[in-house]
Protein backbone atom coordinates (compact mmCIF):
# COMPACT_ATOMS: atom_id res chain seq x y z
CA UNK A 1 1.39 3.66 34.42
CA UNK A 2 -0.87 0.78 33.40
CA UNK A 3 -0.57 -1.43 30.34
CA UNK A 4 -3.18 -1.82 27.63
CA UNK A 5 -3.27 -2.62 23.92
CA UNK A 6 -4.31 0.99 23.40
CA UNK A 7 -1.09 2.08 25.05
CA UNK A 8 0.90 -0.14 22.69
CA UNK A 9 -0.89 1.39 19.70
CA UNK A 10 -0.19 4.87 21.03
CA UNK A 11 3.50 4.06 21.42
CA UNK A 12 3.55 2.60 17.91
CA UNK A 13 1.94 5.73 16.46
CA UNK A 14 4.38 7.97 18.34
CA UNK A 15 7.39 6.15 16.94
CA UNK A 16 5.96 5.91 13.42
CA UNK A 17 5.09 9.58 13.19
CA UNK A 18 8.70 10.48 13.94
CA UNK A 19 9.97 8.10 11.29
CA UNK A 20 7.43 9.26 8.70
CA UNK A 21 8.19 12.91 9.37
CA UNK A 22 11.90 12.31 8.94
CA UNK A 23 12.66 13.42 12.49
CA UNK A 24 14.11 9.96 13.06
CA UNK A 25 15.92 9.39 9.78
CA UNK A 26 17.28 6.13 8.39
CA UNK A 27 20.25 5.01 10.45
CA UNK A 28 19.40 7.19 13.43
CA UNK A 29 19.23 5.87 16.98
CA UNK A 30 15.85 6.25 18.64
CA UNK A 31 15.38 7.04 22.36
CA UNK A 32 15.76 4.22 24.86
CA UNK A 33 12.78 2.37 26.28
CA UNK A 34 13.15 4.31 29.53
CA UNK A 35 13.19 7.62 27.67
CA UNK A 36 10.11 6.67 25.62
CA UNK A 37 8.30 5.55 28.76
CA UNK A 38 8.99 8.94 30.35
CA UNK A 39 8.00 10.89 27.21
CA UNK A 40 4.75 8.97 26.77
CA UNK A 41 3.99 8.34 30.45
CA UNK A 42 3.28 4.67 29.83
CA UNK A 43 4.59 1.27 30.85
CA UNK A 44 7.73 -0.40 29.56
CA UNK A 45 5.59 -3.31 28.32
CA UNK A 46 3.65 -1.08 25.91
CA UNK A 47 6.78 0.62 24.59
CA UNK A 48 8.63 -2.67 24.22
CA UNK A 49 5.76 -4.30 22.33
CA UNK A 50 5.62 -1.35 19.91
CA UNK A 51 9.36 -1.62 19.28
CA UNK A 52 9.15 -5.39 18.86
CA UNK A 53 6.39 -5.04 16.27
CA UNK A 54 8.44 -2.59 14.23
CA UNK A 55 11.51 -4.78 14.61
CA UNK A 56 9.51 -7.75 13.25
CA UNK A 57 8.79 -5.68 10.12
CA UNK A 58 12.48 -4.70 9.89
CA UNK A 59 11.61 -1.04 10.42
CA UNK A 60 13.84 -1.01 13.50
CA UNK A 61 16.92 -3.01 14.47
CA UNK A 62 17.85 -3.63 18.09
CA UNK A 63 21.60 -3.92 18.74
CA UNK A 64 22.47 -5.26 22.15
CA UNK A 65 24.60 -2.88 24.15
CA UNK A 66 24.13 -0.09 21.60
CA UNK A 67 20.44 0.73 21.15
CA UNK A 68 17.62 0.63 18.60
CA UNK A 69 18.08 2.09 15.11
CA UNK A 70 15.87 3.01 12.14
CA UNK A 71 16.64 0.77 9.18
CA UNK A 72 17.21 1.86 5.61
CA UNK A 73 14.14 1.30 3.44
CA UNK A 74 16.01 -1.30 1.35
CA UNK A 75 16.14 -3.51 4.45
CA UNK A 76 12.46 -3.12 5.39
CA UNK A 77 9.68 -5.63 4.74
CA UNK A 78 6.95 -4.66 2.29
CA UNK A 79 4.50 -3.83 5.07
CA UNK A 80 7.18 -1.93 6.94
CA UNK A 81 7.28 0.63 4.12
CA UNK A 82 4.04 2.22 5.34
CA UNK A 83 6.00 3.53 8.33
CA UNK A 84 8.43 5.52 6.18
CA UNK A 85 8.01 8.92 4.50
CA UNK A 86 6.25 8.70 1.13
CA UNK A 87 8.49 9.51 -1.81
CA UNK A 88 7.95 9.23 -5.55
CA UNK A 89 10.87 6.81 -5.68
CA UNK A 90 9.12 4.45 -3.25
CA UNK A 91 5.83 4.80 -5.12
CA UNK A 92 7.62 3.99 -8.39
CA UNK A 93 9.05 0.82 -6.85
CA UNK A 94 5.55 -0.36 -5.93
CA UNK A 95 4.09 0.54 -9.33
CA UNK A 96 6.87 -1.31 -11.13
CA UNK A 97 6.04 -4.45 -9.14
CA UNK A 98 2.35 -4.05 -9.92
CA UNK A 99 3.22 -3.79 -13.63
CA UNK A 100 4.17 -7.46 -13.45
CA UNK A 101 1.70 -8.56 -10.79
CA UNK A 102 -1.68 -7.08 -11.75
CA UNK A 103 -1.84 -8.00 -15.48
CA UNK A 104 -1.09 -11.64 -14.74
CA UNK A 105 -3.80 -11.65 -12.07
CA UNK A 106 -6.39 -10.64 -14.67
CA UNK A 107 -5.56 -13.76 -16.68
CA UNK A 108 -5.81 -16.02 -13.63
CA UNK A 109 -9.09 -14.34 -12.65
CA UNK A 110 -10.62 -15.19 -16.03
CA UNK A 111 -9.79 -18.86 -15.51
CA UNK A 112 -10.47 -19.15 -11.78
CA UNK A 113 -13.12 -16.66 -10.63
CA UNK A 114 -16.65 -17.74 -9.80
CA UNK A 115 -19.70 -15.99 -11.29
CA UNK A 116 -20.25 -14.38 -7.88
CA UNK A 117 -16.71 -12.96 -7.89
CA UNK A 118 -17.22 -11.55 -11.37
CA UNK A 119 -20.49 -9.98 -10.20
CA UNK A 120 -18.68 -8.31 -7.30
CA UNK A 121 -16.09 -6.92 -9.70
CA UNK A 122 -18.86 -5.53 -11.93
CA UNK A 123 -20.56 -3.96 -8.90
CA UNK A 124 -17.25 -2.46 -7.83
CA UNK A 125 -16.84 -0.77 -11.21
CA UNK A 126 -20.37 0.66 -11.06
CA UNK A 127 -19.60 2.06 -7.59
CA UNK A 128 -16.31 3.50 -8.80
CA UNK A 129 -18.05 5.13 -11.74
CA UNK A 130 -20.72 6.68 -9.48
CA UNK A 131 -18.08 8.00 -7.08
CA UNK A 132 -16.11 9.51 -9.96
CA UNK A 133 -19.14 11.25 -11.45
CA UNK A 134 -19.98 12.68 -8.03
CA UNK A 135 -16.40 13.82 -7.45
CA UNK A 136 -16.03 11.75 -4.29
CA UNK A 137 -12.27 11.36 -4.53
CA UNK A 138 -11.52 9.29 -1.42
CA UNK A 139 -14.36 6.89 -2.19
CA UNK A 140 -13.28 6.66 -5.83
CA UNK A 141 -9.72 5.68 -4.92
CA UNK A 142 -10.98 3.12 -2.42
CA UNK A 143 -13.00 1.41 -5.16
CA UNK A 144 -10.01 1.72 -7.54
CA UNK A 145 -7.74 -0.20 -5.17
CA UNK A 146 -10.52 -2.66 -4.33
CA UNK A 147 -10.97 -3.43 -8.04
CA UNK A 148 -7.45 -4.83 -8.31
CA UNK A 149 -7.72 -6.57 -4.96
CA UNK A 150 -10.93 -8.32 -6.04
CA UNK A 151 -9.14 -9.57 -9.14
CA UNK A 152 -6.29 -10.93 -7.01
CA UNK A 153 -8.78 -12.66 -4.70
CA UNK A 154 -10.50 -14.22 -7.70
CA UNK A 155 -7.28 -15.97 -8.69
CA UNK A 156 -7.74 -18.26 -5.65
CA UNK A 157 -3.96 -18.25 -5.26
CA UNK A 158 -3.35 -17.56 -1.58
CA UNK A 159 0.12 -16.11 -2.16
CA UNK A 160 -1.29 -13.59 -4.63
CA UNK A 161 -4.13 -12.75 -2.27
CA UNK A 162 -1.71 -12.00 0.58
CA UNK A 163 0.56 -9.96 -1.68
CA UNK A 164 -2.43 -7.98 -2.91
CA UNK A 165 -3.51 -7.22 0.67
CA UNK A 166 -0.09 -5.76 1.41
CA UNK A 167 0.15 -3.80 -1.83
CA UNK A 168 -3.36 -2.41 -1.47
CA UNK A 169 -2.69 -1.13 2.06
CA UNK A 170 0.63 0.35 0.93
CA UNK A 171 -0.82 2.07 -2.14
CA UNK A 172 -3.81 3.43 -0.20
CA UNK A 173 -1.39 4.98 2.28
CA UNK A 174 0.74 6.41 -0.55
CA UNK A 175 -2.39 7.69 -2.29
CA UNK A 176 -3.36 9.65 0.81
CA UNK A 177 0.07 11.27 1.04
CA UNK A 178 1.26 11.62 -2.54
CA UNK A 179 -1.12 12.82 -5.25
CA UNK A 180 -0.02 10.80 -8.27
CA UNK A 181 -3.25 9.79 -9.98
CA UNK A 182 -4.16 10.62 -13.58
CA UNK A 183 -7.75 11.58 -12.86
CA UNK A 184 -11.14 9.90 -12.80
CA UNK A 185 -11.60 9.66 -16.57
CA UNK A 186 -8.33 7.86 -17.17
CA UNK A 187 -8.92 5.34 -14.39
CA UNK A 188 -12.52 4.67 -15.44
CA UNK A 189 -11.53 4.20 -19.08
CA UNK A 190 -8.99 1.49 -18.35
CA UNK A 191 -10.93 -0.21 -15.58
CA UNK A 192 -13.86 -0.49 -17.98
CA UNK A 193 -11.63 -1.95 -20.70
CA UNK A 194 -10.12 -4.43 -18.25
CA UNK A 195 -13.58 -5.43 -17.01
CA UNK A 196 -14.96 -5.87 -20.54
CA UNK A 197 -12.00 -8.04 -21.52
CA UNK A 198 -12.57 -10.17 -18.41
CA UNK A 199 -16.29 -10.47 -19.20
CA UNK A 200 -15.37 -11.62 -22.72
CA UNK A 201 -12.77 -14.02 -21.26
CA UNK A 202 -10.13 -12.42 -23.43
CA UNK A 203 -6.92 -13.01 -21.45
CA UNK A 204 -4.66 -11.20 -23.89
CA UNK A 205 -6.68 -7.99 -23.94
CA UNK A 206 -7.18 -8.00 -20.16
CA UNK A 207 -3.41 -8.32 -19.71
CA UNK A 208 -2.65 -5.55 -22.22
CA UNK A 209 -5.17 -3.05 -20.85
CA UNK A 210 -3.99 -3.62 -17.29
CA UNK A 211 -0.35 -3.22 -18.34
CA UNK A 212 -1.12 0.03 -20.23
CA UNK A 213 -3.03 1.41 -17.25
CA UNK A 214 -0.07 0.85 -14.91
CA UNK A 215 2.46 2.01 -17.52
CA UNK A 216 0.64 5.34 -17.72
CA UNK A 217 0.85 5.74 -13.94
CA UNK A 218 4.56 4.92 -14.04
CA UNK A 219 5.22 7.46 -16.79
CA UNK A 220 3.23 10.10 -14.93
CA UNK A 221 5.21 9.45 -11.78
CA UNK A 222 8.54 9.64 -13.65
CA UNK A 223 7.56 12.95 -15.23
CA UNK A 224 6.72 14.39 -11.81
CA UNK A 225 10.06 13.13 -10.47
CA UNK A 226 11.89 14.85 -13.33
CA UNK A 227 10.09 18.13 -12.63
CA UNK A 228 11.07 18.18 -8.96
CA UNK A 229 13.81 20.70 -8.11
């Protein structure tokens, strides 16, 4: 049993799939390192590094003399949430944060972005529009998330940039698992309004349109939650 970074990634995927599927639920004790080594036919180093990575994200907690346990999602780091099953409740939590985060970013973008960054945002919208008209759903959603990430990057605030990277990865994962979008037309309408307000350097309108766009997603998600049995 040799060690390689590929082996560590394989061990990480193995553990994560069991958490995401619910097989290893919150609070449950996972197999020991020896048991995982036997199940995966790989070295202890690879298994240990996978566990350590998840422990660093607070997905797992190691208790000396007892074992390793799956944490509750309330104790997990933001990036650790991508290793848990997608639920509408978790999606709502992210959207509620973005309701505060994204509109303010549009105002900072107006005051901080370079002409080149504005041009990239305009190009992104054109690409999103083309993908929507062609019905290329995965591509459309990628440009959708990139639109907001480009705005965050244009703030030149490194904390906002890092937060946006985490939120974008989390939402792209949720998007792939939980269909919650309101359709191409709705997204294009509000992204166009946000972009036009930015082009006009109208901070108030950019903030309002971004807030409305996210509010609509939140309401849609809440309605779907209410309809669940």
